[in-house]
Amino acid sequence: INLSSATDALDHYVDILTEGQSIGLEQLLASDFTQKSQGASIKTNNRSEVIDFLKKQKGEKLNCKTSTEIIEASTNYAIAKVTMQFEGFTKSDLVTLINESGVWKVTASVTSYQ
């Protein structure tokens, strides 16, 4: 997998979430990755919990329209928004990415539902 830019890493992250891909999952998520989901209450998942969940979703394609936007970017850091439009609700994911020695990784995800 190509993780040489924030855009490449973000595209791969979206493929993992929406297309059920699991190749490069461990490489993509930083060692200190966390995921927070805001619904009726806030739930926090650590890296291993997210990896286990996504591996179980392997091959599962989500029926949604997805868009991405890099909100802010520098040489070693980026913040992006991933919007997944499902029938009846929207899932928004704010994603933080960092450049670790030329390899971009996802360090955090904050998810909300509308």
Protein backbone atom coordinates (compact mmCIF):
# COMPACT_ATOMS: atom_id res chain seq x y z
CA ILE A 1 0.00 0.00 0.00
CA ASN A 2 1.09 3.54 -0.68
CA LEU A 3 1.10 5.79 2.40
CA SER A 4 3.54 8.39 1.07
CA SER A 5 1.06 11.30 1.34
CA ALA A 6 -1.79 12.32 3.62
CA THR A 7 -4.19 11.94 0.69
CA ASP A 8 -3.00 8.37 0.01
CA ALA A 9 -3.40 7.44 3.68
CA LEU A 10 -6.84 9.04 3.84
CA ASP A 11 -7.97 7.23 0.68
CA HIS A 12 -6.78 3.92 2.13
CA TYR A 13 -8.55 4.65 5.43
CA VAL A 14 -11.82 5.25 3.53
CA ASP A 15 -11.33 2.00 1.56
CA ILE A 16 -10.90 0.09 4.82
CA LEU A 17 -14.05 1.64 6.31
CA THR A 18 -16.33 1.48 3.28
CA GLU A 19 -14.99 -1.32 1.07
CA GLY A 20 -14.09 -3.88 3.75
CA GLN A 21 -10.40 -3.90 2.90
CA SER A 22 -7.99 -4.97 5.64
CA ILE A 23 -4.64 -4.99 3.82
CA GLY A 24 -2.25 -2.55 5.48
CA LEU A 25 -4.58 -1.87 8.40
CA GLU A 26 -1.85 -2.26 11.04
CA GLN A 27 0.53 -0.14 8.96
CA LEU A 28 -2.05 2.64 8.52
CA LEU A 29 -3.10 3.06 12.16
CA ALA A 30 -0.48 4.68 14.42
CA SER A 31 0.54 2.81 17.57
CA ASP A 32 -1.35 5.35 19.72
CA PHE A 33 -4.48 5.44 17.51
CA THR A 34 -7.79 6.13 19.25
CA GLN A 35 -11.35 6.33 17.98
CA LYS A 36 -14.10 8.26 19.71
CA SER A 37 -17.73 7.84 18.65
CA GLN A 38 -20.29 10.39 19.75
CA GLY A 39 -23.83 9.13 19.91
CA ALA A 40 -26.09 9.08 22.96
CA SER A 41 -22.82 8.74 24.89
CA ILE A 42 -19.16 8.97 23.94
CA LYS A 43 -17.41 5.64 23.35
CA THR A 44 -13.63 5.39 23.02
CA ASN A 45 -11.90 2.48 21.28
CA ASN A 46 -8.17 1.78 21.28
CA ARG A 47 -6.10 0.63 18.30
CA SER A 48 -6.44 -3.11 18.91
CA GLU A 49 -10.24 -2.89 19.38
CA VAL A 50 -10.59 -0.98 16.08
CA ILE A 51 -8.30 -3.41 14.22
CA ASP A 52 -10.25 -6.42 15.53
CA PHE A 53 -13.57 -4.83 14.52
CA LEU A 54 -12.38 -3.84 11.03
CA LYS A 55 -10.88 -7.29 10.37
CA LYS A 56 -14.27 -8.82 11.17
CA GLN A 57 -15.78 -6.43 8.58
CA LYS A 58 -13.40 -7.68 5.86
CA GLY A 59 -15.23 -7.82 2.53
CA GLU A 60 -18.25 -5.87 3.85
CA LYS A 61 -19.07 -2.95 1.55
CA LEU A 62 -21.08 -0.10 3.03
CA ASN A 63 -23.98 1.29 1.02
CA CYS A 64 -23.08 4.96 1.31
CA LYS A 65 -21.84 7.91 -0.68
CA THR A 66 -18.45 9.04 0.64
CA SER A 67 -16.63 12.35 0.36
CA THR A 68 -13.32 13.47 1.84
CA GLU A 69 -11.81 16.86 2.51
CA ILE A 70 -8.38 17.78 3.89
CA ILE A 71 -9.23 20.61 6.30
CA GLU A 72 -5.69 21.53 7.24
CA ALA A 73 -2.31 20.15 6.20
CA SER A 74 1.37 20.75 6.78
CA THR A 75 4.52 18.76 6.03
CA ASN A 76 3.97 16.31 8.89
CA TYR A 77 0.37 16.72 10.01
CA ALA A 78 -3.12 16.78 8.50
CA ILE A 79 -6.72 16.96 9.63
CA ALA A 80 -9.39 15.59 7.31
CA LYS A 81 -13.14 15.10 7.28
CA VAL A 82 -14.73 11.95 5.90
CA THR A 83 -18.48 12.12 5.31
CA MET A 84 -20.47 8.95 4.70
CA GLN A 85 -24.04 9.59 3.55
CA PHE A 86 -26.32 6.64 4.27
CA GLU A 87 -30.04 6.45 3.67
CA GLY A 88 -31.52 8.22 6.67
CA PHE A 89 -28.34 9.43 8.41
CA THR A 90 -24.84 10.81 7.90
CA LYS A 91 -21.65 9.64 9.59
CA SER A 92 -18.92 12.30 9.88
CA ASP A 93 -15.40 11.30 10.80
CA LEU A 94 -12.71 13.85 11.72
CA VAL A 95 -9.37 12.17 11.12
CA THR A 96 -5.92 13.23 12.30
CA LEU A 97 -2.93 12.03 10.27
CA ILE A 98 0.81 12.33 10.91
CA ASN A 99 3.90 11.75 8.80
CA GLU A 100 6.24 9.28 10.53
CA SER A 101 9.51 9.16 8.58
CA GLY A 102 7.78 9.43 5.21
CA VAL A 103 4.88 7.10 6.03
CA TRP A 104 1.52 8.72 6.77
CA LYS A 105 -0.55 7.19 9.57
CA VAL A 106 -3.95 7.84 11.11
CA THR A 107 -3.58 8.78 14.78
CA ALA A 108 -7.16 9.62 15.76
CA SER A 109 -10.74 9.51 14.60
CA VAL A 110 -13.72 11.31 16.10
CA THR A 111 -17.05 10.12 14.70
CA SER A 112 -20.45 11.75 14.97
CA TYR A 113 -23.84 10.85 13.53
CA GLN A 114 -26.54 13.15 12.21
